[in-house]
Protein backbone atom coordinates (compact mmCIF):
# COMPACT_ATOMS: atom_id res chain seq x y z
CA MET A 1 0.00 0.00 0.00
CA SER A 2 2.91 2.32 0.53
CA ALA A 3 3.82 1.91 -3.16
CA SER A 4 0.28 2.78 -4.28
CA ARG A 5 0.24 5.78 -1.93
CA SER A 6 3.54 7.04 -3.36
CA LEU A 7 2.20 6.65 -6.88
CA THR A 8 -0.97 8.52 -5.96
CA ARG A 9 1.04 11.37 -4.47
CA SER A 10 3.26 11.62 -7.57
CA PHE A 11 0.19 11.94 -9.79
CA ARG A 12 -1.20 14.52 -7.40
CA ASP A 13 1.93 16.69 -7.20
CA GLY A 14 3.09 16.33 -10.80
CA PRO A 15 0.37 18.43 -12.51
CA ARG A 16 0.67 21.08 -9.79
CA ALA A 17 4.41 21.45 -10.38
CA LEU A 18 3.90 21.60 -14.14
CA LEU A 19 1.22 24.25 -13.71
CA TRP A 20 3.51 26.49 -11.65
CA LEU A 21 6.38 25.93 -14.06
CA ALA A 22 4.19 26.87 -17.05
CA LEU A 23 2.96 29.96 -15.20
CA VAL A 24 6.47 31.15 -14.35
CA LEU A 25 7.68 30.54 -17.91
CA SER A 26 4.68 32.39 -19.37
CA LEU A 27 5.25 35.38 -17.13
CA GLY A 28 8.96 35.40 -17.95
CA LEU A 29 8.35 35.20 -21.71
CA ALA A 30 5.71 37.93 -21.57
CA ALA A 31 8.06 40.24 -19.65
CA TYR A 32 10.94 39.48 -22.05
CA PHE A 33 8.93 40.26 -25.18
CA ALA A 34 7.51 43.42 -23.60
CA VAL A 35 10.99 44.72 -22.84
CA LYS A 36 12.56 43.47 -26.06
CA HIS A 37 9.96 44.71 -28.52
CA PHE A 38 8.07 47.49 -26.75
CA SER A 39 10.71 49.07 -24.53
CA PRO A 40 14.27 48.16 -25.52
CA ALA A 41 17.08 50.03 -23.80
CA PRO A 42 18.18 53.16 -25.69
CA PRO A 43 21.60 53.02 -27.32
CA LYS A 44 24.46 54.68 -25.44
CA SER A 45 25.68 56.60 -28.49
CA ILE A 46 24.19 58.19 -31.60
CA VAL A 47 25.59 60.08 -34.61
CA MET A 48 24.63 63.64 -35.54
CA VAL A 49 25.51 65.06 -38.96
CA THR A 50 26.06 68.81 -38.69
CA GLY A 51 27.85 71.02 -41.23
CA SER A 52 31.11 72.87 -41.66
CA PRO A 53 33.10 73.29 -38.43
CA ASP A 54 32.76 77.09 -38.61
CA GLY A 55 29.01 76.98 -39.28
CA ALA A 56 26.01 77.36 -36.98
CA TYR A 57 24.95 73.71 -37.38
CA HIS A 58 28.21 72.46 -35.91
CA GLN A 59 28.08 75.01 -33.10
CA PHE A 60 24.57 73.84 -32.27
CA GLY A 61 25.83 70.25 -32.36
CA LEU A 62 28.52 71.01 -29.79
CA LYS A 63 25.88 72.27 -27.37
CA TYR A 64 23.72 69.19 -27.95
CA GLN A 65 26.77 67.01 -27.40
CA ALA A 66 27.48 68.57 -24.00
CA LEU A 67 23.84 68.30 -22.87
CA LEU A 68 23.49 64.66 -23.91
CA LYS A 69 26.77 63.80 -22.21
CA LEU A 70 25.27 64.93 -18.90
CA ASN A 71 22.66 62.19 -19.40
CA GLY A 72 25.15 59.45 -20.24
CA ILE A 73 24.64 59.56 -24.03
CA THR A 74 27.58 59.99 -26.41
CA LEU A 75 26.71 62.22 -29.37
CA THR A 76 29.25 61.85 -32.17
CA LEU A 77 29.37 64.90 -34.44
CA GLN A 78 29.98 64.30 -38.13
CA PRO A 79 30.88 67.46 -40.11
CA SER A 80 29.62 67.82 -43.67
CA SER A 81 29.35 70.26 -46.56
CA GLY A 82 25.84 71.25 -45.50
CA SER A 83 22.18 70.32 -45.62
CA VAL A 84 22.20 68.42 -48.91
CA GLU A 85 24.91 66.07 -47.67
CA ASN A 86 23.19 65.85 -44.29
CA LEU A 87 19.97 64.77 -45.95
CA ALA A 88 21.79 62.19 -48.07
CA GLN A 89 23.48 60.69 -45.02
CA LEU A 90 20.24 60.57 -43.06
CA ASN A 91 18.42 58.90 -45.94
CA ALA A 92 21.27 56.37 -46.23
CA GLY A 93 21.02 55.58 -42.51
CA GLN A 94 24.57 56.79 -41.84
CA ALA A 95 23.41 59.21 -39.13
CA ASP A 96 20.69 59.13 -36.48
CA VAL A 97 19.99 62.85 -36.30
CA GLY A 98 21.00 65.96 -38.19
CA PHE A 99 20.17 69.50 -39.21
CA VAL A 100 18.48 70.08 -42.56
CA GLN A 101 17.80 73.45 -44.12
CA GLY A 102 14.17 74.26 -44.84
CA GLY A 103 13.08 73.71 -48.42
CA LEU A 104 14.93 70.42 -48.92
CA GLY A 105 12.46 67.97 -47.33
CA PRO A 106 9.62 66.20 -49.18
CA MET A 107 6.87 68.36 -47.71
CA ALA A 108 8.56 71.61 -48.79
CA THR A 109 9.27 70.13 -52.22
CA ALA A 110 5.62 69.15 -52.56
CA ALA A 111 4.48 72.63 -51.55
CA HIS A 112 6.84 74.15 -54.13
CA SER A 113 5.31 71.83 -56.74
CA GLN A 114 1.80 73.06 -55.84
CA LEU A 115 0.76 69.69 -54.37
CA PRO A 116 -1.99 69.60 -51.69
CA ASP A 117 -1.27 70.60 -48.13
CA PHE A 118 0.25 67.61 -46.34
CA GLU A 119 -1.67 68.39 -43.15
CA ALA A 120 -4.87 67.59 -45.04
CA LEU A 121 -3.66 64.27 -46.44
CA GLU A 122 -4.53 60.87 -45.04
CA ASP A 123 -1.86 58.89 -43.19
CA ASP A 124 -1.30 56.54 -46.13
CA GLU A 125 -0.72 59.55 -48.42
CA GLN A 126 2.10 61.03 -46.34
CA PRO A 127 5.62 61.18 -47.86
CA ASN A 128 7.31 57.80 -47.96
CA THR A 129 10.40 58.74 -45.98
CA PRO A 130 12.27 57.11 -43.07
CA LEU A 131 12.88 60.57 -41.59
CA ARG A 132 10.89 62.64 -39.11
CA SER A 133 11.18 66.22 -37.92
CA LEU A 134 11.48 66.82 -34.20
CA ALA A 135 11.10 70.58 -34.59
CA THR A 136 12.27 73.68 -36.38
CA VAL A 137 15.00 75.18 -34.24
CA ALA A 138 16.15 78.44 -35.85
CA HIS A 139 15.66 80.94 -38.63
CA GLU A 140 18.11 80.63 -41.52
CA PRO A 141 18.08 83.97 -43.30
CA VAL A 142 19.50 84.54 -46.76
CA TRP A 143 22.31 87.07 -46.29
CA ILE A 144 23.35 88.89 -49.46
CA PHE A 145 26.46 91.01 -48.86
CA SER A 146 28.45 93.14 -51.30
CA ARG A 147 30.86 96.05 -51.13
CA THR A 148 29.55 98.48 -53.71
CA LEU A 149 26.42 97.05 -55.35
CA ARG A 150 22.97 98.37 -54.44
CA LEU A 151 20.70 95.34 -54.42
CA SER A 152 17.54 96.63 -52.73
CA ASP A 153 15.64 96.69 -56.02
CA GLY A 154 16.69 93.14 -56.86
CA LEU A 155 19.66 90.96 -57.78
CA GLY A 156 19.85 92.14 -61.38
CA PRO A 157 23.05 94.15 -60.70
CA LEU A 158 24.84 90.84 -60.01
CA LYS A 159 24.93 90.13 -63.76
CA GLY A 160 28.53 90.11 -64.91
CA GLN A 161 29.80 90.03 -61.31
CA ARG A 162 31.68 87.43 -59.28
CA VAL A 163 29.22 85.85 -56.81
CA ALA A 164 29.94 83.23 -54.16
CA VAL A 165 26.97 80.87 -54.02
CA GLY A 166 28.13 78.23 -51.54
CA VAL A 167 29.86 74.88 -51.72
CA ALA A 168 28.83 72.64 -54.62
CA GLY A 169 25.90 70.42 -53.67
CA SER A 170 25.03 72.38 -50.54
CA GLY A 171 21.64 73.72 -49.56
CA ASN A 172 23.16 77.18 -49.61
CA GLN A 173 24.02 76.79 -53.30
CA LYS A 174 20.55 75.46 -54.11
CA VAL A 175 18.87 78.54 -52.60
CA ALA A 176 21.39 80.96 -54.15
CA LEU A 177 20.94 79.54 -57.65
CA GLU A 178 17.16 79.63 -57.32
CA LEU A 179 17.24 83.29 -56.32
CA LEU A 180 19.65 84.22 -59.11
CA SER A 181 17.44 82.41 -61.59
CA SER A 182 14.39 84.35 -60.33
CA TYR A 183 16.18 87.62 -61.16
CA GLY A 184 17.55 86.47 -64.53
CA VAL A 185 21.18 86.33 -63.40
CA THR A 186 21.23 82.66 -64.45
CA ASP A 187 18.98 80.73 -66.82
CA SER A 188 16.46 78.08 -65.79
CA HIS A 189 19.25 75.50 -65.74
CA HIS A 190 21.31 77.75 -63.45
CA HIS A 191 23.89 78.61 -66.10
CA PRO A 192 25.30 82.10 -65.48
CA LEU A 193 24.39 84.82 -67.99
CA GLU A 194 26.21 87.91 -69.33
CA GLY A 195 29.63 87.03 -68.00
CA THR A 196 28.51 86.30 -64.44
CA THR A 197 30.99 84.16 -62.51
CA LEU A 198 29.60 81.79 -59.87
CA VAL A 199 32.15 80.91 -57.21
CA SER A 200 31.57 77.63 -55.36
CA GLU A 201 32.71 78.80 -51.96
CA GLY A 202 30.86 79.19 -48.71
CA GLY A 203 31.38 79.83 -45.03
CA MET A 204 34.45 81.65 -43.80
CA ALA A 205 36.32 81.02 -47.07
CA ALA A 206 33.72 83.04 -49.00
CA VAL A 207 33.86 85.81 -46.38
CA GLU A 208 37.62 86.11 -46.77
CA LEU A 209 37.22 86.34 -50.55
CA LEU A 210 34.71 89.17 -50.17
CA LEU A 211 36.83 91.07 -47.67
CA ALA A 212 39.82 90.71 -50.02
CA ASP A 213 37.74 92.04 -53.00
CA GLN A 214 38.26 88.76 -54.87
CA ILE A 215 34.47 88.46 -55.30
CA ASP A 216 31.80 91.14 -55.65
CA ALA A 217 29.04 89.56 -53.58
CA LEU A 218 28.14 86.48 -51.62
CA ILE A 219 24.87 84.75 -50.90
CA LEU A 220 24.92 82.97 -47.56
CA VAL A 221 22.16 80.92 -45.90
CA ALA A 222 22.98 80.68 -42.20
CA SER A 223 21.68 81.30 -38.71
CA VAL A 224 22.31 84.69 -37.21
CA GLN A 225 24.34 82.93 -34.48
CA SER A 226 26.77 81.58 -37.08
CA PRO A 227 30.36 82.85 -36.59
CA VAL A 228 30.43 83.60 -40.32
CA VAL A 229 27.37 85.85 -40.10
CA GLN A 230 28.67 87.53 -36.97
CA LYS A 231 31.92 88.39 -38.75
CA LEU A 232 30.07 89.80 -41.77
CA LEU A 233 27.80 91.93 -39.60
CA ALA A 234 30.78 93.29 -37.70
CA SER A 235 32.85 94.11 -40.82
CA ASP A 236 33.03 97.68 -42.06
CA GLY A 237 32.35 98.60 -45.67
CA LEU A 238 29.89 95.79 -46.46
CA ARG A 239 26.32 96.29 -47.62
CA LEU A 240 23.53 93.91 -46.59
CA ALA A 241 20.77 93.73 -49.19
CA SER A 242 17.18 94.38 -48.09
CA LEU A 243 15.14 93.10 -51.03
CA HIS A 244 11.96 95.05 -51.75
CA GLN A 245 10.50 91.92 -53.34
CA ALA A 246 11.05 89.73 -50.26
CA GLU A 247 7.33 89.25 -49.58
CA GLY A 248 6.69 88.35 -53.19
CA LEU A 249 9.55 85.88 -53.24
CA ALA A 250 8.18 84.23 -50.09
CA ARG A 251 4.89 83.71 -51.92
CA ARG A 252 6.70 82.39 -54.97
CA LEU A 253 8.93 80.06 -52.96
CA PRO A 254 6.70 78.79 -50.12
CA TYR A 255 9.52 77.47 -47.94
CA PHE A 256 10.61 81.07 -47.39
CA GLU A 257 9.26 83.59 -44.93
CA THR A 258 10.40 87.12 -44.18
CA VAL A 259 12.16 88.35 -41.05
CA VAL A 260 13.35 91.82 -40.16
CA LEU A 261 16.76 92.73 -38.80
CA LYS A 262 15.91 95.87 -36.85
CA ARG A 263 17.87 99.08 -37.11
CA GLY A 264 20.68 99.26 -34.56
CA SER A 265 20.16 95.65 -33.39
CA VAL A 266 23.70 94.61 -34.34
CA SER A 267 25.33 97.69 -32.77
CA PRO A 268 23.29 100.57 -31.36
CA LEU A 269 26.52 102.54 -30.89
CA LEU A 270 27.43 102.29 -34.57
CA ASP A 271 23.79 102.40 -35.70
CA ARG A 272 24.36 99.08 -37.47
CA PRO A 273 22.37 98.40 -39.53
CA ASN A 274 21.26 101.97 -40.17
CA LYS A 275 17.79 100.89 -41.29
CA ASP A 276 15.45 97.92 -40.96
CA ILE A 277 16.61 95.08 -43.23
CA THR A 278 13.99 92.70 -44.62
CA LEU A 279 15.47 89.26 -45.16
CA LEU A 280 14.20 86.09 -46.75
CA ALA A 281 14.53 83.20 -44.33
CA THR A 282 13.94 79.50 -44.15
CA THR A 283 14.15 77.38 -41.00
CA THR A 284 16.46 74.71 -39.65
CA ASN A 285 14.83 71.30 -39.23
CA LEU A 286 16.06 68.94 -36.51
CA VAL A 287 15.59 65.60 -38.30
CA ILE A 288 15.80 62.07 -36.89
CA GLN A 289 15.43 58.53 -38.13
CA GLU A 290 11.86 57.28 -37.73
CA ASP A 291 13.01 54.35 -35.56
CA LEU A 292 15.14 56.41 -33.17
CA HIS A 293 14.48 55.34 -29.58
CA PRO A 294 11.66 57.50 -28.12
CA ALA A 295 13.67 58.26 -24.97
CA LEU A 296 16.45 59.74 -27.13
CA ALA A 297 13.92 61.74 -29.17
CA TYR A 298 12.65 63.35 -25.97
CA LEU A 299 16.23 63.96 -24.83
CA LEU A 300 17.06 65.68 -28.13
CA LEU A 301 13.94 67.83 -27.85
CA GLU A 302 14.99 68.94 -24.38
CA ALA A 303 18.49 69.70 -25.68
CA ALA A 304 16.90 71.71 -28.50
CA ARG A 305 14.83 73.68 -26.01
CA GLN A 306 17.84 74.54 -23.89
CA THR A 307 19.93 75.43 -26.96
CA HIS A 308 17.46 77.47 -29.00
CA ARG A 309 14.98 79.02 -26.56
CA ALA A 310 17.07 82.15 -25.99
CA PRO A 311 16.16 85.27 -28.00
CA SER A 312 18.28 86.35 -30.93
CA LEU A 313 18.40 89.29 -33.34
CA LEU A 314 15.62 87.61 -35.34
CA ALA A 315 13.69 85.48 -32.84
CA ARG A 316 11.62 86.20 -29.76
CA PRO A 317 12.33 84.35 -26.47
CA GLY A 318 10.91 80.82 -26.63
CA GLU A 319 10.07 81.03 -30.34
CA PHE A 320 12.23 77.97 -30.97
CA PRO A 321 12.05 75.04 -30.98
CA ASN A 322 8.54 74.72 -32.39
CA PRO A 323 6.62 72.11 -34.42
CA GLN A 324 5.47 74.46 -37.16
CA GLY A 325 6.65 74.51 -40.76
CA THR A 326 8.61 71.26 -40.74
CA ASP A 327 9.77 69.73 -44.02
CA PHE A 328 9.19 66.15 -42.83
CA PRO A 329 6.28 64.51 -41.03
CA LEU A 330 6.35 65.47 -37.36
CA ALA A 331 7.60 62.74 -35.01
CA GLU A 332 5.00 61.37 -32.59
CA GLU A 333 7.26 62.24 -29.66
CA SER A 334 7.30 65.86 -30.81
CA ALA A 335 3.52 66.10 -30.96
CA ARG A 336 3.31 64.83 -27.38
CA TYR A 337 6.24 66.99 -26.19
CA PHE A 338 4.82 70.26 -27.49
CA LYS A 339 1.36 69.39 -26.16
CA ASN A 340 2.21 67.96 -22.74
CA GLY A 341 5.88 68.81 -22.12
CA ARG A 342 8.55 66.36 -21.05
CA PRO A 343 7.52 62.83 -20.08
CA PHE A 344 6.58 62.66 -16.40
CA LEU A 345 9.44 60.38 -15.38
CA GLN A 346 12.09 62.42 -17.22
CA THR A 347 10.83 65.55 -15.47
CA TYR A 348 11.54 64.26 -11.97
CA LEU A 349 14.19 61.56 -12.46
CA PRO A 350 17.61 61.39 -14.12
CA PHE A 351 17.44 60.14 -17.71
CA TRP A 352 18.84 56.67 -17.00
CA MET A 353 16.58 56.15 -13.98
CA ALA A 354 13.48 57.38 -15.81
CA ASN A 355 14.16 54.96 -18.65
CA LEU A 356 14.76 52.09 -16.21
CA VAL A 357 11.52 52.75 -14.33
CA GLN A 358 9.60 52.98 -17.58
CA ARG A 359 10.99 49.65 -18.76
CA LEU A 360 10.17 48.00 -15.42
CA VAL A 361 6.62 49.30 -15.61
CA LEU A 362 6.23 47.98 -19.15
CA MET A 363 7.70 44.69 -18.04
CA ALA A 364 5.16 44.49 -15.21
CA LEU A 365 2.16 45.18 -17.43
CA PRO A 366 2.06 41.79 -19.21
CA VAL A 367 2.70 40.09 -15.88
CA LEU A 368 -0.29 41.88 -14.38
CA ALA A 369 -2.33 41.12 -17.47
CA LEU A 370 -1.71 37.42 -16.87
CA LEU A 371 -2.07 37.58 -13.10
CA LEU A 372 -5.38 39.44 -12.95
CA PRO A 373 -7.41 36.63 -14.58
CA LEU A 374 -5.60 34.15 -12.35
CA ILE A 375 -6.46 36.18 -9.27
CA ARG A 376 -10.10 36.13 -10.28
CA LEU A 377 -9.85 32.34 -10.67
CA LEU A 378 -8.21 31.80 -7.28
CA PRO A 379 -11.46 31.30 -5.30
CA TRP A 380 -12.68 28.79 -7.85
CA LEU A 381 -9.28 27.03 -7.92
CA ARG A 382 -9.20 26.85 -4.13
CA SER A 383 -12.70 25.37 -4.03
CA TRP A 384 -11.76 22.89 -6.74
CA ARG A 385 -8.62 21.81 -4.86
CA GLN A 386 -10.52 21.37 -1.60
CA SER A 387 -13.21 19.33 -3.33
CA ARG A 388 -10.54 17.27 -5.05
CA ARG A 389 -8.85 16.63 -1.69
CA ILE A 390 -12.09 15.32 -0.18
CA TYR A 391 -12.90 13.18 -3.21
CA ARG A 392 -9.38 11.74 -3.14
CA HIS A 393 -9.84 10.69 0.49
CA TYR A 394 -13.17 9.11 -0.40
CA GLY A 395 -11.36 7.16 -3.11
CA GLU A 396 -8.85 5.88 -0.56
CA LEU A 397 -11.68 4.86 1.78
CA LYS A 398 -13.36 2.98 -1.06
CA PHE A 399 -10.17 0.99 -1.73
CA LEU A 400 -9.87 0.14 1.99
CA GLU A 401 -13.48 -1.06 2.14
CA GLN A 402 -12.95 -3.23 -0.94
CA ASP A 403 -9.87 -4.76 0.68
CA LEU A 404 -11.90 -5.51 3.84
CA LEU A 405 -14.70 -7.14 1.87
CA SER A 406 -12.56 -9.08 -0.58
CA HIS A 407 -10.18 -11.03 1.67
CA GLN A 408 -8.81 -11.53 5.11
CA LEU A 409 -6.23 -8.84 5.91
CA SER A 410 -2.96 -9.81 7.47
CA PRO A 411 -1.81 -8.02 10.65
CA GLU A 412 0.62 -5.94 8.57
CA GLU A 413 -2.13 -4.90 6.13
CA ARG A 414 -4.44 -3.99 9.02
CA ALA A 415 -1.67 -1.84 10.51
CA GLN A 416 -1.15 -0.09 7.15
CA ALA A 417 -4.92 0.43 6.80
CA ARG A 418 -5.10 2.02 10.28
CA GLU A 419 -2.13 4.22 9.39
CA SER A 420 -3.95 5.34 6.18
CA LEU A 421 -7.09 6.16 8.15
CA ASP A 422 -5.07 8.14 10.70
CA ARG A 423 -3.33 10.00 7.91
CA ILE A 424 -6.66 10.88 6.25
CA GLU A 425 -8.02 12.14 9.54
CA ARG A 426 -4.91 14.18 10.29
CA ASP A 427 -5.03 15.69 6.80
CA VAL A 428 -8.69 16.63 7.22
CA LEU A 429 -8.15 18.13 10.68
CA GLY A 430 -5.01 19.99 9.55
CA THR A 431 -6.60 21.58 6.48
CA ARG A 432 -8.53 24.84 6.65
CA PHE A 433 -11.68 24.27 4.64
CA PRO A 434 -14.17 27.02 3.73
CA ILE A 435 -17.32 27.19 5.84
CA ASP A 436 -19.48 25.83 3.01
CA PHE A 437 -17.38 22.62 3.13
CA THR A 438 -18.23 21.92 6.77
CA ASP A 439 -20.95 19.35 6.05
CA ARG A 440 -18.74 17.47 3.58
CA VAL A 441 -15.81 17.42 6.02
CA TYR A 442 -18.06 16.17 8.82
CA THR A 443 -19.47 13.42 6.58
CA LEU A 444 -15.95 12.38 5.53
CA ARG A 445 -14.87 12.04 9.18
CA GLN A 446 -17.94 9.86 9.87
CA HIS A 447 -16.99 7.60 6.97
CA VAL A 448 -13.43 7.35 8.29
CA GLU A 449 -14.79 6.27 11.66
CA LEU A 450 -17.13 3.75 10.00
CA VAL A 451 -14.21 2.14 8.09
CA ARG A 452 -12.17 2.10 11.31
CA ARG A 453 -14.95 0.17 13.07
CA ASN A 454 -15.28 -2.25 10.16
CA LEU A 455 -11.52 -2.77 10.26
CA ALA A 456 -11.80 -3.79 13.90
CA ARG A 457 -14.33 -6.56 13.08
CA PRO A 458 -13.31 -10.07 11.94
CA GLY A 459 -13.19 -10.62 8.15
CA PRO A 460 -15.61 -12.90 6.25
CA THR A 461 -13.19 -15.85 6.26
CA GLU A 462 -12.27 -15.59 9.92
CA PRO A 463 -13.81 -18.16 12.36
């Protein structure tokens, strides 16, 4: 009987152990997939493509780099020739984030081609691009400087002159050629007319050429904070064009707007400039890969806010960053950031801790999703187990009664039978049954006592 009891116990405990093992494995797998697919850890380093080392993009990048370093993220800066190269590297997946001049993205291109407003399009009609805008972060005016030419009435006087239009393939050159074409300085294919010489130089190199009278004018697209622009504004003997047709050009080329450099804003002492200057301007887009980790997107947005929120000669305090006028579809993180601010955890916790807590919460959600139905089943499971325990004892009593009725028990078998009855009674007395089981427990104890009395009587074959 000890062998049969051991076998019974193994069948009883085996399914229970398998059930707990399956539950633990299910919870572990659910937590793993939640963390792996819905909240992976952000990478420790990302690449930002900027621009020339003496340009505003690279200076912005240096500030971003320092701010991200405080949060344990390494931002590697990758200089370039400008926005066109930046866009190419982003599209090729060679950089995670970068600055792109307004007018180069698919939404600006579509607007220039008189396509419908992208804000009115359905989701499946949006540009097919792996890139997203986090925000526009600065004005990028078109600065047209010369020494002697009067350009307020237009760029026609640049015919036959030497004009620096920016590095070949840059966004600066694209804008410069489009403006020159609008004024008939170049043809529709951007070939110079009437002896005009286009010089493919930009940045500080073009400034030095102008100051040395080796060119007659330069067209520069750059932020007012750019060291190049600051040097031009501080140089004596240079004229900054204020185009009378600026508003019309902004209507003709929709990625442009107009900004005004107020009289005396550069130097009140020198009355520089000595009149209000109306400038064409585009904006700088902060562009990321669509699959960039959301935590890093929020971190970049916060770095943008700290870098660009200060007022400038052309922007009011807090004007940038903003989600308006982007050349790429706006990232989901940006929409939430500009509506609700920083994520709650990142507001009150360090970046690494906020991300850890968020991942732990997401890991707990599938566990809770599995546990809640189990918790609701617990009362039923407990009742089922208690009923099963009672029925199992009744089964043991039935086997004992059959043994008593079928043959004469030996003294050893009678001792084992008494031990089984005692064990059943101890198990019943030592188990806390619900109140609604009281009648069944009482009946089971009566049956145990009945079998005990029958065991004490002589068997059918005894004299």
